[in-house]
Amino acid sequence: MNTVDEILDYAIDQEQQAADFYEDVAQRAETAGMKKILLDFSEEEKRHKKSLQDVKVGEHELTPEQEVLDLKISDYLVEVEASDNITYQDALVIAMKRERAAYELYSDMAAKVPESHLKEVLEGLAIEEAKHKLFFEAEYDERVLMDN
């Protein structure tokens, strides 16, 4: 991946994979409430995909204008598998880990390119993934940690 378009295409594909993942997990959800939340996650990923598509055609700017709080919750959680009877807690863990990996990928890529529009796009993508991770960490904090 050397061009902005190649990186955006990759990011768009990753957002679609995430949306598909949440839809798949939602179909196996134990409760109607969990299913709705997972489908909401899928819709959020589809919105991210649309934003990236807009960036690609020049209808939206993606710049690293802000830092995002990192609760670091996912740093201390063990890996979990998406089983047929996945819990909401496990779905959140998987989501946090996926978003963290995407953030690290874009951050690492940005660190390896010289100052350019490509670097700005990569840094912007990293910020977006950090926002996604923060959302899932906050949800985990509110729904799992507070309940225990």
Foldseek 3Di string as FASTA:
>chain_A
DPDLLVVLVVLLVLLQVQLVVLQVLLVLEPDPVLSVVSNVSSVVSVVVSVQSVCVVVPNDDQFLPDADDDPCPLVPDDQDDSDSHDYSLNVLSVQLVSLVVQLVVLVVVLVPDPDDSSSGNSSSSSRVSRVSNVVSVVVCCVPPVVVD
